[in-house]
């Protein structure tokens, strides 16, 4: 005979077994969900890591390009400064050479030829002209050009040659050594650039 107590025990076992099975299934589902969530999270972290690495790599590459660009610009600037320094030194040396030249017989011959080249313009001169030159060159210029009505100007830093201004005809004749030097600037710059290139420019 099956008693009520026995039935309760059997029922309890069945219920407990069912609960155990359900609980185990729930645990499996929870574990599977946790594993899936972990896998998903790991994938997200990996993806974020890749994005971060790529971003850092891109920034590093950009920084590298920036540094290289700055280095090139600085090198160009140093080269430009060096070229300017050489250019100014060279010009100053030429000024000294021209000042020395202005005290030689060769200069007197050059001055006479320069005057003779402009002599035809002043033939029959009537209007007053202004003449800039060195005081020691005044007589040669005045006689060679046949100037009559002249106002003289002797600037202190005048190297040699002459500048004549005929305001009545709106004409300026420049045969000065200073202008000759200024007109040679492009050639001097090209020579210095060529020199730096051949020297390897170790700037």
C-alpha atoms as a PDB file:
ATOM      1  CA  UNK A   1       0.000   0.000   0.000  1.00  0.00           C
ATOM      2  CA  UNK A   2       1.365   3.386  -1.051  1.00  0.00           C
ATOM      3  CA  UNK A   3       0.993   5.881   1.697  1.00  0.00           C
ATOM      4  CA  UNK A   4       0.539   9.612   1.334  1.00  0.00           C
ATOM      5  CA  UNK A   5       3.979  10.140   2.733  1.00  0.00           C
ATOM      6  CA  UNK A   6       5.458   7.891   0.084  1.00  0.00           C
ATOM      7  CA  UNK A   7       3.546   9.729  -2.641  1.00  0.00           C
ATOM      8  CA  UNK A   8       4.857  13.047  -1.332  1.00  0.00           C
ATOM      9  CA  UNK A   9       8.405  11.751  -1.453  1.00  0.00           C
ATOM     10  CA  UNK A  10       7.954  10.516  -5.022  1.00  0.00           C
ATOM     11  CA  UNK A  11       6.356  13.803  -6.040  1.00  0.00           C
ATOM     12  CA  UNK A  12       9.145  15.730  -4.354  1.00  0.00           C
ATOM     13  CA  UNK A  13      11.777  13.730  -6.227  1.00  0.00           C
ATOM     14  CA  UNK A  14      10.043  14.355  -9.555  1.00  0.00           C
ATOM     15  CA  UNK A  15       9.721  18.075  -8.845  1.00  0.00           C
ATOM     16  CA  UNK A  16      13.293  18.316  -7.631  1.00  0.00           C
ATOM     17  CA  UNK A  17      14.559  16.435 -10.685  1.00  0.00           C
ATOM     18  CA  UNK A  18      12.568  18.726 -12.945  1.00  0.00           C
ATOM     19  CA  UNK A  19      13.834  21.804 -11.144  1.00  0.00           C
ATOM     20  CA  UNK A  20      17.350  20.442 -11.300  1.00  0.00           C
ATOM     21  CA  UNK A  21      17.062  19.848 -15.045  1.00  0.00           C
ATOM     22  CA  UNK A  22      15.556  23.294 -15.601  1.00  0.00           C
ATOM     23  CA  UNK A  23      18.211  24.879 -13.406  1.00  0.00           C
ATOM     24  CA  UNK A  24      20.960  23.038 -15.267  1.00  0.00           C
ATOM     25  CA  UNK A  25      19.493  24.170 -18.586  1.00  0.00           C
ATOM     26  CA  UNK A  26      19.282  27.722 -17.312  1.00  0.00           C
ATOM     27  CA  UNK A  27      22.876  27.532 -16.164  1.00  0.00           C
ATOM     28  CA  UNK A  28      23.879  26.258 -19.596  1.00  0.00           C
ATOM     29  CA  UNK A  29      21.963  29.085 -21.270  1.00  0.00           C
ATOM     30  CA  UNK A  30      23.484  31.620 -18.908  1.00  0.00           C
ATOM     31  CA  UNK A  31      26.952  30.194 -19.488  1.00  0.00           C
ATOM     32  CA  UNK A  32      26.389  30.182 -23.246  1.00  0.00           C
ATOM     33  CA  UNK A  33      25.097  33.748 -23.089  1.00  0.00           C
ATOM     34  CA  UNK A  34      28.054  34.817 -21.005  1.00  0.00           C
ATOM     35  CA  UNK A  35      30.456  33.122 -23.405  1.00  0.00           C
ATOM     36  CA  UNK A  36      28.760  34.772 -26.377  1.00  0.00           C
ATOM     37  CA  UNK A  37      28.833  38.120 -24.606  1.00  0.00           C
ATOM     38  CA  UNK A  38      32.502  37.638 -23.751  1.00  0.00           C
ATOM     39  CA  UNK A  39      33.301  36.659 -27.334  1.00  0.00           C
ATOM     40  CA  UNK A  40      31.393  39.676 -28.613  1.00  0.00           C
ATOM     41  CA  UNK A  41      33.114  41.937 -26.101  1.00  0.00           C
ATOM     42  CA  UNK A  42      36.515  40.548 -27.015  1.00  0.00           C
ATOM     43  CA  UNK A  43      35.723  41.148 -30.691  1.00  0.00           C
ATOM     44  CA  UNK A  44      34.695  44.718 -29.876  1.00  0.00           C
ATOM     45  CA  UNK A  45      37.864  45.274 -27.844  1.00  0.00           C
ATOM     46  CA  UNK A  46      39.957  43.800 -30.651  1.00  0.00           C
ATOM     47  CA  UNK A  47      38.208  45.997 -33.220  1.00  0.00           C
ATOM     48  CA  UNK A  48      38.682  49.065 -31.024  1.00  0.00           C
ATOM     49  CA  UNK A  49      42.312  48.092 -30.563  1.00  0.00           C
ATOM     50  CA  UNK A  50      42.757  47.833 -34.324  1.00  0.00           C
ATOM     51  CA  UNK A  51      41.122  51.219 -34.820  1.00  0.00           C
ATOM     52  CA  UNK A  52      43.332  52.693 -32.104  1.00  0.00           C
ATOM     53  CA  UNK A  53      46.473  51.104 -33.556  1.00  0.00           C
ATOM     54  CA  UNK A  54      45.606  52.307 -37.057  1.00  0.00           C
ATOM     55  CA  UNK A  55      44.827  55.758 -35.706  1.00  0.00           C
ATOM     56  CA  UNK A  56      48.104  55.870 -33.786  1.00  0.00           C
ATOM     57  CA  UNK A  57      49.960  54.587 -36.843  1.00  0.00           C
ATOM     58  CA  UNK A  58      48.328  57.248 -39.026  1.00  0.00           C
ATOM     59  CA  UNK A  59      49.155  59.951 -36.474  1.00  0.00           C
ATOM     60  CA  UNK A  60      52.730  58.698 -36.244  1.00  0.00           C
ATOM     61  CA  UNK A  61      53.028  58.729 -40.038  1.00  0.00           C
ATOM     62  CA  UNK A  62      51.542  62.215 -40.185  1.00  0.00           C
ATOM     63  CA  UNK A  63      53.924  63.391 -37.468  1.00  0.00           C
ATOM     64  CA  UNK A  64      56.827  61.847 -39.363  1.00  0.00           C
ATOM     65  CA  UNK A  65      55.813  63.671 -42.542  1.00  0.00           C
ATOM     66  CA  UNK A  66      55.441  66.893 -40.572  1.00  0.00           C
ATOM     67  CA  UNK A  67      58.904  66.524 -39.024  1.00  0.00           C
ATOM     68  CA  UNK A  68      60.457  65.726 -42.416  1.00  0.00           C
ATOM     69  CA  UNK A  69      58.692  68.693 -43.982  1.00  0.00           C
ATOM     70  CA  UNK A  70      59.926  70.987 -41.205  1.00  0.00           C
ATOM     71  CA  UNK A  71      63.456  69.605 -41.578  1.00  0.00           C
ATOM     72  CA  UNK A  72      63.391  70.238 -45.336  1.00  0.00           C
ATOM     73  CA  UNK A  73      62.038  73.755 -44.821  1.00  0.00           C
ATOM     74  CA  UNK A  74      64.734  74.445 -42.235  1.00  0.00           C
ATOM     75  CA  UNK A  75      67.412  73.116 -44.592  1.00  0.00           C
ATOM     76  CA  UNK A  76      66.097  75.360 -47.388  1.00  0.00           C
ATOM     77  CA  UNK A  77      66.086  78.313 -44.988  1.00  0.00           C
ATOM     78  CA  UNK A  78      69.678  77.613 -43.918  1.00  0.00           C
ATOM     79  CA  UNK A  79      70.706  77.341 -47.559  1.00  0.00           C
ATOM     80  CA  UNK A  80      68.981  80.625 -48.352  1.00  0.00           C
ATOM     81  CA  UNK A  81      70.691  82.361 -45.426  1.00  0.00           C
ATOM     82  CA  UNK A  82      74.037  80.955 -46.519  1.00  0.00           C
ATOM     83  CA  UNK A  83      73.441  82.101 -50.086  1.00  0.00           C
ATOM     84  CA  UNK A  84      72.438  85.582 -48.908  1.00  0.00           C
ATOM     85  CA  UNK A  85      75.518  85.804 -46.680  1.00  0.00           C
ATOM     86  CA  UNK A  86      77.791  84.722 -49.535  1.00  0.00           C
ATOM     87  CA  UNK A  87      76.003  87.098 -51.891  1.00  0.00           C
ATOM     88  CA  UNK A  88      76.456  90.082 -49.556  1.00  0.00           C
ATOM     89  CA  UNK A  89      80.086  89.194 -48.851  1.00  0.00           C
ATOM     90  CA  UNK A  90      80.745  88.829 -52.562  1.00  0.00           C
ATOM     91  CA  UNK A  91      79.098  92.166 -53.353  1.00  0.00           C
ATOM     92  CA  UNK A  92      81.089  93.896 -50.642  1.00  0.00           C
ATOM     93  CA  UNK A  93      84.282  92.363 -51.994  1.00  0.00           C
ATOM     94  CA  UNK A  94      83.368  93.590 -55.480  1.00  0.00           C
ATOM     95  CA  UNK A  95      82.735  97.100 -54.146  1.00  0.00           C
ATOM     96  CA  UNK A  96      86.244  97.101 -52.668  1.00  0.00           C
ATOM     97  CA  UNK A  97      87.654  95.832 -55.972  1.00  0.00           C
ATOM     98  CA  UNK A  98      85.785  98.528 -57.908  1.00  0.00           C
ATOM     99  CA  UNK A  99      87.028 101.200 -55.518  1.00  0.00           C
ATOM    100  CA  UNK A 100      90.563  99.967 -56.155  1.00  0.00           C
ATOM    101  CA  UNK A 101      89.872  99.875 -59.893  1.00  0.00           C
ATOM    102  CA  UNK A 102      88.669 103.501 -59.792  1.00  0.00           C
ATOM    103  CA  UNK A 103      92.199 104.556 -58.858  1.00  0.00           C
ATOM    104  CA  UNK A 104      93.911 102.919 -61.838  1.00  0.00           C
ATOM    105  CA  UNK A 105      94.809 104.146 -65.342  1.00  0.00           C
ATOM    106  CA  UNK A 106      92.527 101.422 -66.706  1.00  0.00           C
ATOM    107  CA  UNK A 107      89.600 103.121 -64.982  1.00  0.00           C
ATOM    108  CA  UNK A 108      90.462 106.458 -66.615  1.00  0.00           C
ATOM    109  CA  UNK A 109      90.414 104.748 -69.998  1.00  0.00           C
ATOM    110  CA  UNK A 110      87.084 103.076 -69.205  1.00  0.00           C
ATOM    111  CA  UNK A 111      85.620 106.402 -68.054  1.00  0.00           C
ATOM    112  CA  UNK A 112      86.684 108.159 -71.258  1.00  0.00           C
ATOM    113  CA  UNK A 113      85.142 105.395 -73.385  1.00  0.00           C
ATOM    114  CA  UNK A 114      81.903 105.607 -71.375  1.00  0.00           C
ATOM    115  CA  UNK A 115      81.800 109.375 -71.936  1.00  0.00           C
ATOM    116  CA  UNK A 116      82.537 109.054 -75.638  1.00  0.00           C
ATOM    117  CA  UNK A 117      79.651 106.603 -75.952  1.00  0.00           C
ATOM    118  CA  UNK A 118      77.267 109.333 -74.750  1.00  0.00           C
ATOM    119  CA  UNK A 119      78.947 112.312 -76.435  1.00  0.00           C
ATOM    120  CA  UNK A 120      76.576 112.513 -79.401  1.00  0.00           C
ATOM    121  CA  UNK A 121      73.617 113.049 -77.085  1.00  0.00           C
ATOM    122  CA  UNK A 122      75.096 116.251 -75.632  1.00  0.00           C
ATOM    123  CA  UNK A 123      76.164 117.793 -78.923  1.00  0.00           C
ATOM    124  CA  UNK A 124      74.607 121.239 -79.086  1.00  0.00           C
ATOM    125  CA  UNK A 125      73.394 120.993 -75.508  1.00  0.00           C
ATOM    126  CA  UNK A 126      71.368 123.987 -74.371  1.00  0.00           C
ATOM    127  CA  UNK A 127      69.464 122.985 -71.235  1.00  0.00           C
ATOM    128  CA  UNK A 128      71.023 122.566 -67.838  1.00  0.00           C
ATOM    129  CA  UNK A 129      71.961 119.032 -66.772  1.00  0.00           C
ATOM    130  CA  UNK A 130      72.805 117.530 -63.385  1.00  0.00           C
ATOM    131  CA  UNK A 131      75.959 115.441 -63.136  1.00  0.00           C
ATOM    132  CA  UNK A 132      76.722 112.978 -60.338  1.00  0.00           C
ATOM    133  CA  UNK A 133      80.287 111.716 -60.160  1.00  0.00           C
ATOM    134  CA  UNK A 134      83.433 111.718 -58.060  1.00  0.00           C
ATOM    135  CA  UNK A 135      84.987 115.138 -57.786  1.00  0.00           C
ATOM    136  CA  UNK A 136      88.264 113.857 -59.234  1.00  0.00           C
ATOM    137  CA  UNK A 137      86.404 112.652 -62.362  1.00  0.00           C
ATOM    138  CA  UNK A 138      84.636 115.952 -63.000  1.00  0.00           C
ATOM    139  CA  UNK A 139      87.140 117.419 -65.437  1.00  0.00           C
ATOM    140  CA  UNK A 140      87.434 114.294 -67.611  1.00  0.00           C
ATOM    141  CA  UNK A 141      83.652 113.879 -67.856  1.00  0.00           C
ATOM    142  CA  UNK A 142      82.957 117.556 -68.478  1.00  0.00           C
ATOM    143  CA  UNK A 143      85.572 117.872 -71.218  1.00  0.00           C
ATOM    144  CA  UNK A 144      84.920 114.545 -72.941  1.00  0.00           C
ATOM    145  CA  UNK A 145      81.157 115.116 -73.085  1.00  0.00           C
ATOM    146  CA  UNK A 146      81.544 118.812 -73.909  1.00  0.00           C
ATOM    147  CA  UNK A 147      79.157 119.829 -71.148  1.00  0.00           C
ATOM    148  CA  UNK A 148      78.576 123.542 -70.628  1.00  0.00           C
ATOM    149  CA  UNK A 149      75.589 124.166 -68.392  1.00  0.00           C
ATOM    150  CA  UNK A 150      76.100 121.700 -65.537  1.00  0.00           C
ATOM    151  CA  UNK A 151      75.217 121.405 -61.851  1.00  0.00           C
ATOM    152  CA  UNK A 152      77.519 119.003 -60.043  1.00  0.00           C
ATOM    153  CA  UNK A 153      76.830 116.559 -57.235  1.00  0.00           C
ATOM    154  CA  UNK A 154      79.629 114.565 -55.588  1.00  0.00           C
ATOM    155  CA  UNK A 155      78.042 111.871 -53.351  1.00  0.00           C
ATOM    156  CA  UNK A 156      80.380 110.445 -50.709  1.00  0.00           C
ATOM    157  CA  UNK A 157      79.695 106.796 -51.543  1.00  0.00           C
ATOM    158  CA  UNK A 158      80.015 107.222 -55.306  1.00  0.00           C
ATOM    159  CA  UNK A 159      82.413 104.524 -56.554  1.00  0.00           C
ATOM    160  CA  UNK A 160      83.057 105.811 -60.048  1.00  0.00           C
ATOM    161  CA  UNK A 161      81.559 106.517 -63.451  1.00  0.00           C
ATOM    162  CA  UNK A 162      78.798 109.103 -63.775  1.00  0.00           C
ATOM    163  CA  UNK A 163      75.055 109.750 -63.787  1.00  0.00           C
ATOM    164  CA  UNK A 164      73.640 112.579 -65.884  1.00  0.00           C
ATOM    165  CA  UNK A 165      70.070 113.822 -65.547  1.00  0.00           C
ATOM    166  CA  UNK A 166      68.639 116.038 -68.279  1.00  0.00           C
ATOM    167  CA  UNK A 167      65.293 117.150 -66.877  1.00  0.00           C
ATOM    168  CA  UNK A 168      64.477 119.291 -69.913  1.00  0.00           C
ATOM    169  CA  UNK A 169      64.360 116.165 -72.068  1.00  0.00           C
ATOM    170  CA  UNK A 170      63.388 113.722 -69.322  1.00  0.00           C
ATOM    171  CA  UNK A 171      66.549 111.679 -69.781  1.00  0.00           C
ATOM    172  CA  UNK A 172      68.722 109.891 -67.230  1.00  0.00           C
ATOM    173  CA  UNK A 173      72.044 108.431 -68.353  1.00  0.00           C
ATOM    174  CA  UNK A 174      73.620 106.068 -65.846  1.00  0.00           C
ATOM    175  CA  UNK A 175      77.189 104.939 -66.463  1.00  0.00           C
ATOM    176  CA  UNK A 176      78.100 104.482 -62.805  1.00  0.00           C
ATOM    177  CA  UNK A 177      80.086 101.551 -61.452  1.00  0.00           C
ATOM    178  CA  UNK A 178      77.448 101.106 -58.735  1.00  0.00           C
ATOM    179  CA  UNK A 179      74.730 100.523 -61.340  1.00  0.00           C
ATOM    180  CA  UNK A 180      77.029  98.204 -63.251  1.00  0.00           C
ATOM    181  CA  UNK A 181      77.386  96.206 -60.040  1.00  0.00           C
ATOM    182  CA  UNK A 182      73.616  96.190 -59.396  1.00  0.00           C
ATOM    183  CA  UNK A 183      72.931  94.986 -62.935  1.00  0.00           C
ATOM    184  CA  UNK A 184      75.300  92.084 -62.282  1.00  0.00           C
ATOM    185  CA  UNK A 185      73.278  90.829 -59.283  1.00  0.00           C
ATOM    186  CA  UNK A 186      71.413  88.064 -61.195  1.00  0.00           C
ATOM    187  CA  UNK A 187      74.678  86.760 -62.629  1.00  0.00           C
ATOM    188  CA  UNK A 188      76.331  86.856 -59.201  1.00  0.00           C
ATOM    189  CA  UNK A 189      73.373  85.026 -57.641  1.00  0.00           C
ATOM    190  CA  UNK A 190      73.554  82.339 -60.333  1.00  0.00           C
ATOM    191  CA  UNK A 191      77.302  81.918 -59.793  1.00  0.00           C
ATOM    192  CA  UNK A 192      76.833  81.539 -56.032  1.00  0.00           C
ATOM    193  CA  UNK A 193      74.016  79.012 -56.551  1.00  0.00           C
ATOM    194  CA  UNK A 194      76.250  77.030 -58.901  1.00  0.00           C
ATOM    195  CA  UNK A 195      79.090  77.174 -56.391  1.00  0.00           C
ATOM    196  CA  UNK A 196      76.871  75.864 -53.572  1.00  0.00           C
ATOM    197  CA  UNK A 197      75.610  73.028 -55.768  1.00  0.00           C
ATOM    198  CA  UNK A 198      79.116  71.954 -56.755  1.00  0.00           C
ATOM    199  CA  UNK A 199      80.298  72.229 -53.150  1.00  0.00           C
ATOM    200  CA  UNK A 200      77.512  69.881 -52.059  1.00  0.00           C
ATOM    201  CA  UNK A 201      76.077  72.554 -49.768  1.00  0.00           C
ATOM    202  CA  UNK A 202      76.826  70.815 -46.428  1.00  0.00           C
ATOM    203  CA  UNK A 203      74.252  72.906 -44.552  1.00  0.00           C
END
